[in-house]
């Protein structure tokens, strides 16, 4: 059974940093892509970052380029999202997801992901 469990969310002041973690189990990890998405109240879920488990083929939303970094630890079956220089507009529930058949097109599209975590809240105060 596939499980994705996020952690690391919380309340932080603008300009601060957080690191989200996503512990994965039940996947044939080497062939999957992992993505981070977020959803703010009243808004649609949006792409944040994605990567193959090898760390290759990484993609970022323009809004987070240069501030966020996705990384993987194959030994721990964990994906991270390091978030720096946080802004109030980064406030959202952040979700980890797995894409079984990744392509550059599918990796940035929430509709193409097959498994999702429960989400973790990130709140950035001004």
PDB file of N, CA and C in Angstrom:
ATOM      1  N   UNK A   1       0.844  -1.196   0.000  1.00  0.00           N
ATOM      2  CA  UNK A   1       0.000   0.000   0.000  1.00  0.00           C
ATOM      3  C   UNK A   1       0.877   1.243   0.000  1.00  0.00           C
ATOM      4  N   UNK A   2       0.567   2.154  -0.904  1.00  0.00           N
ATOM      5  CA  UNK A   2       1.348   3.372  -1.022  1.00  0.00           C
ATOM      6  C   UNK A   2       0.960   4.353   0.086  1.00  0.00           C
ATOM      7  N   UNK A   3       1.972   4.891   0.735  1.00  0.00           N
ATOM      8  CA  UNK A   3       1.740   5.918   1.760  1.00  0.00           C
ATOM      9  C   UNK A   3       2.728   7.052   1.566  1.00  0.00           C
ATOM     10  N   UNK A   4       2.204   8.263   1.603  1.00  0.00           N
ATOM     11  CA  UNK A   4       3.016   9.473   1.582  1.00  0.00           C
ATOM     12  C   UNK A   4       2.624  10.296   2.794  1.00  0.00           C
ATOM     13  N   UNK A   5       3.586  10.597   3.644  1.00  0.00           N
ATOM     14  CA  UNK A   5       3.299  11.299   4.887  1.00  0.00           C
ATOM     15  C   UNK A   5       4.174  12.546   4.968  1.00  0.00           C
ATOM     16  N   UNK A   6       3.527  13.705   4.914  1.00  0.00           N
ATOM     17  CA  UNK A   6       4.241  14.970   5.001  1.00  0.00           C
ATOM     18  C   UNK A   6       4.410  15.406   6.450  1.00  0.00           C
ATOM     19  N   UNK A   7       5.450  16.178   6.677  1.00  0.00           N
ATOM     20  CA  UNK A   7       5.674  16.793   7.984  1.00  0.00           C
ATOM     21  C   UNK A   7       6.536  18.039   7.785  1.00  0.00           C
ATOM     22  N   UNK A   8       6.620  18.850   8.838  1.00  0.00           N
ATOM     23  CA  UNK A   8       7.515  20.001   8.788  1.00  0.00           C
ATOM     24  C   UNK A   8       6.831  21.336   8.599  1.00  0.00           C
ATOM     25  N   UNK A   9       5.529  21.329   8.410  1.00  0.00           N
ATOM     26  CA  UNK A   9       4.838  22.598   8.265  1.00  0.00           C
ATOM     27  C   UNK A   9       4.768  23.350   9.586  1.00  0.00           C
ATOM     28  N   UNK A  10       4.303  24.584   9.506  1.00  0.00           N
ATOM     29  CA  UNK A  10       4.179  25.388  10.721  1.00  0.00           C
ATOM     30  C   UNK A  10       3.996  26.845  10.407  1.00  0.00           C
ATOM     31  N   UNK A  11       4.156  27.649  11.441  1.00  0.00           N
ATOM     32  CA  UNK A  11       4.022  29.103  11.337  1.00  0.00           C
ATOM     33  C   UNK A  11       5.411  29.728  11.346  1.00  0.00           C
ATOM     34  N   UNK A  12       5.660  30.607  10.378  1.00  0.00           N
ATOM     35  CA  UNK A  12       6.963  31.247  10.272  1.00  0.00           C
ATOM     36  C   UNK A  12       6.765  32.690   9.830  1.00  0.00           C
ATOM     37  N   UNK A  13       7.679  33.551  10.221  1.00  0.00           N
ATOM     38  CA  UNK A  13       7.596  34.950   9.791  1.00  0.00           C
ATOM     39  C   UNK A  13       8.129  35.090   8.365  1.00  0.00           C
ATOM     40  N   UNK A  14       7.665  36.115   7.697  1.00  0.00           N
ATOM     41  CA  UNK A  14       8.159  36.405   6.347  1.00  0.00           C
ATOM     42  C   UNK A  14       9.679  36.537   6.368  1.00  0.00           C
ATOM     43  N   UNK A  15      10.319  35.937   5.363  1.00  0.00           N
ATOM     44  CA  UNK A  15      11.768  35.926   5.297  1.00  0.00           C
ATOM     45  C   UNK A  15      12.400  34.701   5.924  1.00  0.00           C
ATOM     46  N   UNK A  16      11.602  33.941   6.647  1.00  0.00           N
ATOM     47  CA  UNK A  16      12.098  32.754   7.320  1.00  0.00           C
ATOM     48  C   UNK A  16      12.149  31.533   6.420  1.00  0.00           C
ATOM     49  N   UNK A  17      12.498  30.394   7.028  1.00  0.00           N
ATOM     50  CA  UNK A  17      12.664  29.147   6.283  1.00  0.00           C
ATOM     51  C   UNK A  17      11.936  27.996   6.969  1.00  0.00           C
ATOM     52  N   UNK A  18      11.548  27.028   6.165  1.00  0.00           N
ATOM     53  CA  UNK A  18      11.005  25.771   6.649  1.00  0.00           C
ATOM     54  C   UNK A  18      11.494  24.663   5.730  1.00  0.00           C
ATOM     55  N   UNK A  19      11.587  23.461   6.260  1.00  0.00           N
ATOM     56  CA  UNK A  19      11.873  22.307   5.422  1.00  0.00           C
ATOM     57  C   UNK A  19      10.766  21.283   5.610  1.00  0.00           C
ATOM     58  N   UNK A  20      10.079  20.978   4.526  1.00  0.00           N
ATOM     59  CA  UNK A  20       9.042  19.959   4.537  1.00  0.00           C
ATOM     60  C   UNK A  20       9.660  18.612   4.177  1.00  0.00           C
ATOM     61  N   UNK A  21       9.111  17.567   4.779  1.00  0.00           N
ATOM     62  CA  UNK A  21       9.547  16.207   4.487  1.00  0.00           C
ATOM     63  C   UNK A  21       8.355  15.384   4.030  1.00  0.00           C
ATOM     64  N   UNK A  22       8.621  14.413   3.172  1.00  0.00           N
ATOM     65  CA  UNK A  22       7.585  13.492   2.707  1.00  0.00           C
ATOM     66  C   UNK A  22       8.181  12.087   2.763  1.00  0.00           C
ATOM     67  N   UNK A  23       7.727  11.301   3.721  1.00  0.00           N
ATOM     68  CA  UNK A  23       8.184   9.921   3.856  1.00  0.00           C
ATOM     69  C   UNK A  23       7.294   9.025   3.004  1.00  0.00           C
ATOM     70  N   UNK A  24       7.921   8.267   2.106  1.00  0.00           N
ATOM     71  CA  UNK A  24       7.187   7.450   1.145  1.00  0.00           C
ATOM     72  C   UNK A  24       7.418   5.968   1.401  1.00  0.00           C
ATOM     73  N   UNK A  25       6.382   5.182   1.179  1.00  0.00           N
ATOM     74  CA  UNK A  25       6.495   3.734   1.284  1.00  0.00           C
ATOM     75  C   UNK A  25       5.544   3.082   0.292  1.00  0.00           C
ATOM     76  N   UNK A  26       5.881   1.851  -0.106  1.00  0.00           N
ATOM     77  CA  UNK A  26       5.009   1.096  -0.992  1.00  0.00           C
ATOM     78  C   UNK A  26       5.159   1.415  -2.462  1.00  0.00           C
ATOM     79  N   UNK A  27       6.220   2.153  -2.835  1.00  0.00           N
ATOM     80  CA  UNK A  27       6.414   2.526  -4.229  1.00  0.00           C
ATOM     81  C   UNK A  27       7.666   1.875  -4.803  1.00  0.00           C
ATOM     82  N   UNK A  28       7.672   1.684  -6.106  1.00  0.00           N
ATOM     83  CA  UNK A  28       8.903   1.338  -6.817  1.00  0.00           C
ATOM     84  C   UNK A  28       9.588   2.659  -7.142  1.00  0.00           C
ATOM     85  N   UNK A  29      10.242   3.191  -6.127  1.00  0.00           N
ATOM     86  CA  UNK A  29      10.652   4.586  -6.145  1.00  0.00           C
ATOM     87  C   UNK A  29      11.463   4.996  -7.357  1.00  0.00           C
ATOM     88  N   UNK A  30      12.342   4.145  -7.815  1.00  0.00           N
ATOM     89  CA  UNK A  30      13.310   4.576  -8.815  1.00  0.00           C
ATOM     90  C   UNK A  30      12.642   5.032 -10.102  1.00  0.00           C
ATOM     91  N   UNK A  31      11.426   4.583 -10.364  1.00  0.00           N
ATOM     92  CA  UNK A  31      10.765   4.936 -11.617  1.00  0.00           C
ATOM     93  C   UNK A  31       9.755   6.067 -11.459  1.00  0.00           C
ATOM     94  N   UNK A  32       9.546   6.508 -10.236  1.00  0.00           N
ATOM     95  CA  UNK A  32       8.559   7.542  -9.983  1.00  0.00           C
ATOM     96  C   UNK A  32       9.188   8.929  -9.969  1.00  0.00           C
ATOM     97  N   UNK A  33       8.346   9.903 -10.222  1.00  0.00           N
ATOM     98  CA  UNK A  33       8.677  11.291  -9.928  1.00  0.00           C
ATOM     99  C   UNK A  33       7.899  11.714  -8.695  1.00  0.00           C
ATOM    100  N   UNK A  34       8.488  12.608  -7.939  1.00  0.00           N
ATOM    101  CA  UNK A  34       7.839  13.138  -6.737  1.00  0.00           C
ATOM    102  C   UNK A  34       7.630  14.629  -6.906  1.00  0.00           C
ATOM    103  N   UNK A  35       6.470  15.075  -6.479  1.00  0.00           N
ATOM    104  CA  UNK A  35       6.155  16.485  -6.624  1.00  0.00           C
ATOM    105  C   UNK A  35       5.622  17.086  -5.343  1.00  0.00           C
ATOM    106  N   UNK A  36       5.769  18.396  -5.252  1.00  0.00           N
ATOM    107  CA  UNK A  36       5.141  19.181  -4.192  1.00  0.00           C
ATOM    108  C   UNK A  36       4.149  20.142  -4.840  1.00  0.00           C
ATOM    109  N   UNK A  37       2.974  20.186  -4.253  1.00  0.00           N
ATOM    110  CA  UNK A  37       1.933  21.081  -4.690  1.00  0.00           C
ATOM    111  C   UNK A  37       1.415  21.835  -3.476  1.00  0.00           C
ATOM    112  N   UNK A  38       0.682  22.902  -3.714  1.00  0.00           N
ATOM    113  CA  UNK A  38       0.103  23.636  -2.598  1.00  0.00           C
ATOM    114  C   UNK A  38      -1.266  24.156  -2.976  1.00  0.00           C
ATOM    115  N   UNK A  39      -2.072  24.372  -1.941  1.00  0.00           N
ATOM    116  CA  UNK A  39      -3.420  24.896  -2.156  1.00  0.00           C
ATOM    117  C   UNK A  39      -3.740  25.884  -1.058  1.00  0.00           C
ATOM    118  N   UNK A  40      -3.985  27.112  -1.468  1.00  0.00           N
ATOM    119  CA  UNK A  40      -4.393  28.164  -0.545  1.00  0.00           C
ATOM    120  C   UNK A  40      -5.919  28.216  -0.499  1.00  0.00           C
ATOM    121  N   UNK A  41      -6.505  28.768   0.574  1.00  0.00           N
ATOM    122  CA  UNK A  41      -7.965  28.839   0.683  1.00  0.00           C
ATOM    123  C   UNK A  41      -8.581  29.556  -0.514  1.00  0.00           C
ATOM    124  N   UNK A  42      -9.587  28.936  -1.099  1.00  0.00           N
ATOM    125  CA  UNK A  42     -10.283  29.540  -2.215  1.00  0.00           C
ATOM    126  C   UNK A  42      -9.557  29.474  -3.543  1.00  0.00           C
ATOM    127  N   UNK A  43      -8.422  28.780  -3.567  1.00  0.00           N
ATOM    128  CA  UNK A  43      -7.644  28.692  -4.809  1.00  0.00           C
ATOM    129  C   UNK A  43      -7.467  27.233  -5.218  1.00  0.00           C
ATOM    130  N   UNK A  44      -7.124  27.050  -6.496  1.00  0.00           N
ATOM    131  CA  UNK A  44      -6.863  25.711  -6.975  1.00  0.00           C
ATOM    132  C   UNK A  44      -5.490  25.226  -6.520  1.00  0.00           C
ATOM    133  N   UNK A  45      -5.347  23.917  -6.501  1.00  0.00           N
ATOM    134  CA  UNK A  45      -4.050  23.336  -6.169  1.00  0.00           C
ATOM    135  C   UNK A  45      -3.053  23.701  -7.272  1.00  0.00           C
ATOM    136  N   UNK A  46      -1.855  24.115  -6.874  1.00  0.00           N
ATOM    137  CA  UNK A  46      -0.874  24.533  -7.861  1.00  0.00           C
ATOM    138  C   UNK A  46       0.449  23.826  -7.675  1.00  0.00           C
ATOM    139  N   UNK A  47       1.146  23.667  -8.778  1.00  0.00           N
ATOM    140  CA  UNK A  47       2.449  23.030  -8.790  1.00  0.00           C
ATOM    141  C   UNK A  47       3.482  23.908  -8.106  1.00  0.00           C
ATOM    142  N   UNK A  48       4.374  23.251  -7.339  1.00  0.00           N
ATOM    143  CA  UNK A  48       5.465  23.964  -6.682  1.00  0.00           C
ATOM    144  C   UNK A  48       6.816  23.475  -7.197  1.00  0.00           C
ATOM    145  N   UNK A  49       7.053  22.163  -7.090  1.00  0.00           N
ATOM    146  CA  UNK A  49       8.349  21.611  -7.503  1.00  0.00           C
ATOM    147  C   UNK A  49       8.204  20.115  -7.748  1.00  0.00           C
ATOM    148  N   UNK A  50       9.087  19.557  -8.581  1.00  0.00           N
ATOM    149  CA  UNK A  50       9.066  18.119  -8.845  1.00  0.00           C
ATOM    150  C   UNK A  50      10.458  17.639  -9.191  1.00  0.00           C
ATOM    151  N   UNK A  51      10.678  16.355  -8.953  1.00  0.00           N
ATOM    152  CA  UNK A  51      11.985  15.761  -9.231  1.00  0.00           C
ATOM    153  C   UNK A  51      11.841  14.258  -9.383  1.00  0.00           C
ATOM    154  N   UNK A  52      12.716  13.660 -10.187  1.00  0.00           N
ATOM    155  CA  UNK A  52      12.849  12.216 -10.178  1.00  0.00           C
ATOM    156  C   UNK A  52      13.559  11.822  -8.882  1.00  0.00           C
ATOM    157  N   UNK A  53      13.412  10.561  -8.452  1.00  0.00           N
ATOM    158  CA  UNK A  53      14.070  10.116  -7.236  1.00  0.00           C
ATOM    159  C   UNK A  53      15.594  10.226  -7.326  1.00  0.00           C
ATOM    160  N   UNK A  54      16.103  10.142  -8.543  1.00  0.00           N
ATOM    161  CA  UNK A  54      17.553  10.271  -8.723  1.00  0.00           C
ATOM    162  C   UNK A  54      18.036  11.691  -8.503  1.00  0.00           C
ATOM    163  N   UNK A  55      17.112  12.620  -8.437  1.00  0.00           N
ATOM    164  CA  UNK A  55      17.477  14.027  -8.297  1.00  0.00           C
ATOM    165  C   UNK A  55      17.599  14.741  -9.630  1.00  0.00           C
ATOM    166  N   UNK A  56      17.431  14.004 -10.705  1.00  0.00           N
ATOM    167  CA  UNK A  56      17.488  14.609 -12.030  1.00  0.00           C
ATOM    168  C   UNK A  56      16.124  15.180 -12.400  1.00  0.00           C
ATOM    169  N   UNK A  57      16.115  15.926 -13.496  1.00  0.00           N
ATOM    170  CA  UNK A  57      14.862  16.453 -14.036  1.00  0.00           C
ATOM    171  C   UNK A  57      14.041  17.187 -12.981  1.00  0.00           C
ATOM    172  N   UNK A  58      14.593  18.202 -12.419  1.00  0.00           N
ATOM    173  CA  UNK A  58      13.854  18.989 -11.433  1.00  0.00           C
ATOM    174  C   UNK A  58      13.152  20.151 -12.121  1.00  0.00           C
ATOM    175  N   UNK A  59      11.977  20.490 -11.601  1.00  0.00           N
ATOM    176  CA  UNK A  59      11.172  21.577 -12.141  1.00  0.00           C
ATOM    177  C   UNK A  59      10.646  22.409 -10.976  1.00  0.00           C
ATOM    178  N   UNK A  60      10.503  23.700 -11.214  1.00  0.00           N
ATOM    179  CA  UNK A  60       9.989  24.617 -10.207  1.00  0.00           C
ATOM    180  C   UNK A  60       8.985  25.574 -10.825  1.00  0.00           C
ATOM    181  N   UNK A  61       8.003  25.927 -10.032  1.00  0.00           N
ATOM    182  CA  UNK A  61       7.118  27.019 -10.432  1.00  0.00           C
ATOM    183  C   UNK A  61       7.917  28.320 -10.420  1.00  0.00           C
ATOM    184  N   UNK A  62       7.576  29.212 -11.322  1.00  0.00           N
ATOM    185  CA  UNK A  62       8.292  30.492 -11.395  1.00  0.00           C
ATOM    186  C   UNK A  62       8.243  31.239 -10.065  1.00  0.00           C
ATOM    187  N   UNK A  63       7.139  31.098  -9.354  1.00  0.00           N
ATOM    188  CA  UNK A  63       6.945  31.844  -8.113  1.00  0.00           C
ATOM    189  C   UNK A  63       7.887  31.406  -6.995  1.00  0.00           C
ATOM    190  N   UNK A  64       8.509  30.235  -7.122  1.00  0.00           N
ATOM    191  CA  UNK A  64       9.376  29.738  -6.053  1.00  0.00           C
ATOM    192  C   UNK A  64      10.822  29.546  -6.500  1.00  0.00           C
ATOM    193  N   UNK A  65      11.109  29.758  -7.782  1.00  0.00           N
ATOM    194  CA  UNK A  65      12.481  29.574  -8.285  1.00  0.00           C
ATOM    195  C   UNK A  65      13.455  30.456  -7.527  1.00  0.00           C
ATOM    196  N   UNK A  66      14.564  29.863  -7.136  1.00  0.00           N
ATOM    197  CA  UNK A  66      15.579  30.599  -6.396  1.00  0.00           C
ATOM    198  C   UNK A  66      15.335  30.656  -4.899  1.00  0.00           C
ATOM    199  N   UNK A  67      14.139  30.252  -4.461  1.00  0.00           N
ATOM    200  CA  UNK A  67      13.816  30.265  -3.023  1.00  0.00           C
ATOM    201  C   UNK A  67      13.584  28.870  -2.464  1.00  0.00           C
ATOM    202  N   UNK A  68      13.001  27.989  -3.269  1.00  0.00           N
ATOM    203  CA  UNK A  68      12.681  26.628  -2.825  1.00  0.00           C
ATOM    204  C   UNK A  68      13.607  25.642  -3.523  1.00  0.00           C
ATOM    205  N   UNK A  69      13.857  24.509  -2.862  1.00  0.00           N
ATOM    206  CA  UNK A  69      14.673  23.457  -3.461  1.00  0.00           C
ATOM    207  C   UNK A  69      14.107  22.095  -3.081  1.00  0.00           C
ATOM    208  N   UNK A  70      13.909  21.249  -4.075  1.00  0.00           N
ATOM    209  CA  UNK A  70      13.438  19.890  -3.837  1.00  0.00           C
ATOM    210  C   UNK A  70      14.647  18.958  -3.852  1.00  0.00           C
ATOM    211  N   UNK A  71      14.622  17.972  -2.960  1.00  0.00           N
ATOM    212  CA  UNK A  71      15.710  17.005  -2.917  1.00  0.00           C
ATOM    213  C   UNK A  71      15.165  15.661  -2.456  1.00  0.00           C
ATOM    214  N   UNK A  72      15.925  14.610  -2.726  1.00  0.00           N
ATOM    215  CA  UNK A  72      15.496  13.268  -2.355  1.00  0.00           C
ATOM    216  C   UNK A  72      16.603  12.557  -1.588  1.00  0.00           C
ATOM    217  N   UNK A  73      16.202  11.694  -0.684  1.00  0.00           N
ATOM    218  CA  UNK A  73      17.126  10.832   0.049  1.00  0.00           C
ATOM    219  C   UNK A  73      16.649   9.404  -0.162  1.00  0.00           C
ATOM    220  N   UNK A  74      17.277   8.711  -1.099  1.00  0.00           N
ATOM    221  CA  UNK A  74      16.820   7.373  -1.444  1.00  0.00           C
ATOM    222  C   UNK A  74      16.954   6.400  -0.277  1.00  0.00           C
ATOM    223  N   UNK A  75      17.979   6.594   0.539  1.00  0.00           N
ATOM    224  CA  UNK A  75      18.173   5.702   1.682  1.00  0.00           C
ATOM    225  C   UNK A  75      17.053   5.798   2.705  1.00  0.00           C
ATOM    226  N   UNK A  76      16.467   6.992   2.797  1.00  0.00           N
ATOM    227  CA  UNK A  76      15.388   7.209   3.772  1.00  0.00           C
ATOM    228  C   UNK A  76      14.020   7.217   3.103  1.00  0.00           C
ATOM    229  N   UNK A  77      13.988   7.030   1.778  1.00  0.00           N
ATOM    230  CA  UNK A  77      12.719   7.095   1.034  1.00  0.00           C
ATOM    231  C   UNK A  77      11.958   8.374   1.367  1.00  0.00           C
ATOM    232  N   UNK A  78      12.675   9.461   1.376  1.00  0.00           N
ATOM    233  CA  UNK A  78      12.102  10.742   1.791  1.00  0.00           C
ATOM    234  C   UNK A  78      12.430  11.823   0.771  1.00  0.00           C
ATOM    235  N   UNK A  79      11.438  12.655   0.520  1.00  0.00           N
ATOM    236  CA  UNK A  79      11.586  13.811  -0.355  1.00  0.00           C
ATOM    237  C   UNK A  79      11.456  15.063   0.505  1.00  0.00           C
ATOM    238  N   UNK A  80      12.276  16.051   0.216  1.00  0.00           N
ATOM    239  CA  UNK A  80      12.278  17.286   0.995  1.00  0.00           C
ATOM    240  C   UNK A  80      11.933  18.475   0.121  1.00  0.00           C
ATOM    241  N   UNK A  81      11.388  19.483   0.760  1.00  0.00           N
ATOM    242  CA  UNK A  81      11.210  20.770   0.107  1.00  0.00           C
ATOM    243  C   UNK A  81      11.767  21.820   1.055  1.00  0.00           C
ATOM    244  N   UNK A  82      12.932  22.340   0.723  1.00  0.00           N
ATOM    245  CA  UNK A  82      13.531  23.411   1.502  1.00  0.00           C
ATOM    246  C   UNK A  82      12.971  24.729   1.000  1.00  0.00           C
ATOM    247  N   UNK A  83      12.371  25.483   1.905  1.00  0.00           N
ATOM    248  CA  UNK A  83      11.721  26.744   1.539  1.00  0.00           C
ATOM    249  C   UNK A  83      12.409  27.885   2.277  1.00  0.00           C
ATOM    250  N   UNK A  84      13.011  28.771   1.519  1.00  0.00           N
ATOM    251  CA  UNK A  84      13.706  29.931   2.078  1.00  0.00           C
ATOM    252  C   UNK A  84      13.027  31.216   1.633  1.00  0.00           C
ATOM    253  N   UNK A  85      13.342  32.294   2.310  1.00  0.00           N
ATOM    254  CA  UNK A  85      12.796  33.612   1.966  1.00  0.00           C
ATOM    255  C   UNK A  85      11.282  33.544   1.792  1.00  0.00           C
ATOM    256  N   UNK A  86      10.634  32.940   2.746  1.00  0.00           N
ATOM    257  CA  UNK A  86       9.191  32.731   2.644  1.00  0.00           C
ATOM    258  C   UNK A  86       8.428  34.054   2.648  1.00  0.00           C
ATOM    259  N   UNK A  87       7.323  34.056   1.902  1.00  0.00           N
ATOM    260  CA  UNK A  87       6.474  35.226   1.768  1.00  0.00           C
ATOM    261  C   UNK A  87       5.063  34.869   2.243  1.00  0.00           C
ATOM    262  N   UNK A  88       4.278  35.867   2.647  1.00  0.00           N
ATOM    263  CA  UNK A  88       2.894  35.573   3.052  1.00  0.00           C
ATOM    264  C   UNK A  88       2.114  34.833   1.968  1.00  0.00           C
ATOM    265  N   UNK A  89       2.404  35.100   0.704  1.00  0.00           N
ATOM    266  CA  UNK A  89       1.677  34.427  -0.376  1.00  0.00           C
ATOM    267  C   UNK A  89       2.071  32.954  -0.536  1.00  0.00           C
ATOM    268  N   UNK A  90       3.059  32.497   0.207  1.00  0.00           N
ATOM    269  CA  UNK A  90       3.394  31.068   0.225  1.00  0.00           C
ATOM    270  C   UNK A  90       2.494  30.294   1.185  1.00  0.00           C
ATOM    271  N   UNK A  91       1.662  30.987   1.937  1.00  0.00           N
ATOM    272  CA  UNK A  91       0.760  30.330   2.872  1.00  0.00           C
ATOM    273  C   UNK A  91      -0.197  29.410   2.138  1.00  0.00           C
ATOM    274  N   UNK A  92      -0.224  28.148   2.544  1.00  0.00           N
ATOM    275  CA  UNK A  92      -1.064  27.147   1.882  1.00  0.00           C
ATOM    276  C   UNK A  92      -0.897  25.811   2.597  1.00  0.00           C
ATOM    277  N   UNK A  93      -1.735  24.857   2.216  1.00  0.00           N
ATOM    278  CA  UNK A  93      -1.490  23.468   2.578  1.00  0.00           C
ATOM    279  C   UNK A  93      -0.593  22.880   1.484  1.00  0.00           C
ATOM    280  N   UNK A  94       0.496  22.274   1.901  1.00  0.00           N
ATOM    281  CA  UNK A  94       1.458  21.702   0.963  1.00  0.00           C
ATOM    282  C   UNK A  94       1.292  20.184   0.921  1.00  0.00           C
ATOM    283  N   UNK A  95       1.234  19.667  -0.307  1.00  0.00           N
ATOM    284  CA  UNK A  95       1.019  18.253  -0.524  1.00  0.00           C
ATOM    285  C   UNK A  95       2.197  17.636  -1.263  1.00  0.00           C
ATOM    286  N   UNK A  96       2.538  16.431  -0.858  1.00  0.00           N
ATOM    287  CA  UNK A  96       3.511  15.606  -1.559  1.00  0.00           C
ATOM    288  C   UNK A  96       2.731  14.632  -2.438  1.00  0.00           C
ATOM    289  N   UNK A  97       3.260  14.321  -3.629  1.00  0.00           N
ATOM    290  CA  UNK A  97       2.569  13.425  -4.537  1.00  0.00           C
ATOM    291  C   UNK A  97       3.569  12.619  -5.358  1.00  0.00           C
ATOM    292  N   UNK A  98       3.104  11.477  -5.875  1.00  0.00           N
ATOM    293  CA  UNK A  98       3.946  10.590  -6.680  1.00  0.00           C
ATOM    294  C   UNK A  98       3.326  10.366  -8.057  1.00  0.00           C
ATOM    295  N   UNK A  99       4.165  10.457  -9.071  1.00  0.00           N
ATOM    296  CA  UNK A  99       3.753  10.293 -10.469  1.00  0.00           C
ATOM    297  C   UNK A  99       4.348   8.993 -10.990  1.00  0.00           C
ATOM    298  N   UNK A 100       3.493   8.030 -11.334  1.00  0.00           N
ATOM    299  CA  UNK A 100       3.964   6.715 -11.748  1.00  0.00           C
ATOM    300  C   UNK A 100       4.641   6.712 -13.116  1.00  0.00           C
ATOM    301  N   UNK A 101       4.171   7.548 -14.002  1.00  0.00           N
ATOM    302  CA  UNK A 101       4.686   7.550 -15.378  1.00  0.00           C
ATOM    303  C   UNK A 101       5.133   8.961 -15.748  1.00  0.00           C
ATOM    304  N   UNK A 102       6.215   9.373 -15.167  1.00  0.00           N
ATOM    305  CA  UNK A 102       6.598  10.777 -15.318  1.00  0.00           C
ATOM    306  C   UNK A 102       7.163  11.140 -16.693  1.00  0.00           C
ATOM    307  N   UNK A 103       6.751  12.305 -17.147  1.00  0.00           N
ATOM    308  CA  UNK A 103       7.329  12.976 -18.299  1.00  0.00           C
ATOM    309  C   UNK A 103       7.460  14.442 -17.897  1.00  0.00           C
ATOM    310  N   UNK A 104       8.222  15.230 -18.651  1.00  0.00           N
ATOM    311  CA  UNK A 104       8.299  16.654 -18.300  1.00  0.00           C
ATOM    312  C   UNK A 104       6.933  17.323 -18.239  1.00  0.00           C
ATOM    313  N   UNK A 105       5.990  16.848 -19.025  1.00  0.00           N
ATOM    314  CA  UNK A 105       4.658  17.423 -19.012  1.00  0.00           C
ATOM    315  C   UNK A 105       3.862  16.995 -17.787  1.00  0.00           C
ATOM    316  N   UNK A 106       3.916  15.718 -17.459  1.00  0.00           N
ATOM    317  CA  UNK A 106       3.099  15.232 -16.343  1.00  0.00           C
ATOM    318  C   UNK A 106       3.631  15.696 -14.995  1.00  0.00           C
ATOM    319  N   UNK A 107       4.923  15.911 -14.904  1.00  0.00           N
ATOM    320  CA  UNK A 107       5.511  16.222 -13.606  1.00  0.00           C
ATOM    321  C   UNK A 107       5.073  17.575 -13.052  1.00  0.00           C
ATOM    322  N   UNK A 108       4.525  18.437 -13.879  1.00  0.00           N
ATOM    323  CA  UNK A 108       4.072  19.747 -13.395  1.00  0.00           C
ATOM    324  C   UNK A 108       2.547  19.846 -13.356  1.00  0.00           C
ATOM    325  N   UNK A 109       1.866  18.730 -13.551  1.00  0.00           N
ATOM    326  CA  UNK A 109       0.410  18.721 -13.647  1.00  0.00           C
ATOM    327  C   UNK A 109      -0.180  17.869 -12.531  1.00  0.00           C
ATOM    328  N   UNK A 110      -0.890  18.493 -11.605  1.00  0.00           N
ATOM    329  CA  UNK A 110      -1.453  17.771 -10.469  1.00  0.00           C
ATOM    330  C   UNK A 110      -2.364  16.625 -10.916  1.00  0.00           C
ATOM    331  N   UNK A 111      -3.082  16.803 -12.009  1.00  0.00           N
ATOM    332  CA  UNK A 111      -4.023  15.786 -12.486  1.00  0.00           C
ATOM    333  C   UNK A 111      -3.325  14.496 -12.901  1.00  0.00           C
ATOM    334  N   UNK A 112      -2.016  14.559 -13.154  1.00  0.00           N
ATOM    335  CA  UNK A 112      -1.277  13.386 -13.617  1.00  0.00           C
ATOM    336  C   UNK A 112      -0.662  12.581 -12.475  1.00  0.00           C
ATOM    337  N   UNK A 113      -0.764  13.060 -11.260  1.00  0.00           N
ATOM    338  CA  UNK A 113      -0.172  12.363 -10.126  1.00  0.00           C
ATOM    339  C   UNK A 113      -1.122  11.303  -9.590  1.00  0.00           C
ATOM    340  N   UNK A 114      -0.524  10.197  -9.136  1.00  0.00           N
ATOM    341  CA  UNK A 114      -1.325   9.021  -8.790  1.00  0.00           C
ATOM    342  C   UNK A 114      -1.550   8.860  -7.290  1.00  0.00           C
ATOM    343  N   UNK A 115      -0.629   9.342  -6.499  1.00  0.00           N
ATOM    344  CA  UNK A 115      -0.733   9.169  -5.042  1.00  0.00           C
ATOM    345  C   UNK A 115      -0.440  10.503  -4.364  1.00  0.00           C
ATOM    346  N   UNK A 116      -1.164  10.734  -3.261  1.00  0.00           N
ATOM    347  CA  UNK A 116      -1.075  12.005  -2.545  1.00  0.00           C
ATOM    348  C   UNK A 116      -0.958  11.770  -1.052  1.00  0.00           C
ATOM    349  N   UNK A 117      -0.236  12.679  -0.409  1.00  0.00           N
ATOM    350  CA  UNK A 117      -0.220  12.700   1.039  1.00  0.00           C
ATOM    351  C   UNK A 117      -1.391  13.494   1.575  1.00  0.00           C
ATOM    352  N   UNK A 118      -1.443  13.626   2.896  1.00  0.00           N
ATOM    353  CA  UNK A 118      -2.586  14.283   3.534  1.00  0.00           C
ATOM    354  C   UNK A 118      -2.405  15.801   3.608  1.00  0.00           C
ATOM    355  N   UNK A 119      -1.198  16.276   3.380  1.00  0.00           N
ATOM    356  CA  UNK A 119      -0.924  17.705   3.394  1.00  0.00           C
ATOM    357  C   UNK A 119      -0.417  18.192   4.735  1.00  0.00           C
ATOM    358  N   UNK A 120       0.334  19.290   4.684  1.00  0.00           N
ATOM    359  CA  UNK A 120       0.833  19.940   5.891  1.00  0.00           C
ATOM    360  C   UNK A 120       0.693  21.448   5.715  1.00  0.00           C
ATOM    361  N   UNK A 121       0.211  22.115   6.763  1.00  0.00           N
ATOM    362  CA  UNK A 121      -0.077  23.552   6.677  1.00  0.00           C
ATOM    363  C   UNK A 121       1.195  24.371   6.844  1.00  0.00           C
ATOM    364  N   UNK A 122       1.377  25.323   5.958  1.00  0.00           N
ATOM    365  CA  UNK A 122       2.446  26.316   6.072  1.00  0.00           C
ATOM    366  C   UNK A 122       1.793  27.688   6.134  1.00  0.00           C
ATOM    367  N   UNK A 123       2.095  28.427   7.187  1.00  0.00           N
ATOM    368  CA  UNK A 123       1.551  29.772   7.351  1.00  0.00           C
ATOM    369  C   UNK A 123       2.702  30.750   7.513  1.00  0.00           C
ATOM    370  N   UNK A 124       2.731  31.762   6.669  1.00  0.00           N
ATOM    371  CA  UNK A 124       3.786  32.774   6.710  1.00  0.00           C
ATOM    372  C   UNK A 124       3.149  34.095   7.111  1.00  0.00           C
ATOM    373  N   UNK A 125       3.579  34.619   8.235  1.00  0.00           N
ATOM    374  CA  UNK A 125       3.023  35.881   8.737  1.00  0.00           C
ATOM    375  C   UNK A 125       3.857  37.057   8.243  1.00  0.00           C
ATOM    376  N   UNK A 126       3.178  38.180   8.058  1.00  0.00           N
ATOM    377  CA  UNK A 126       3.868  39.370   7.541  1.00  0.00           C
ATOM    378  C   UNK A 126       4.417  40.228   8.669  1.00  0.00           C
TER     379      UNK A 126
END
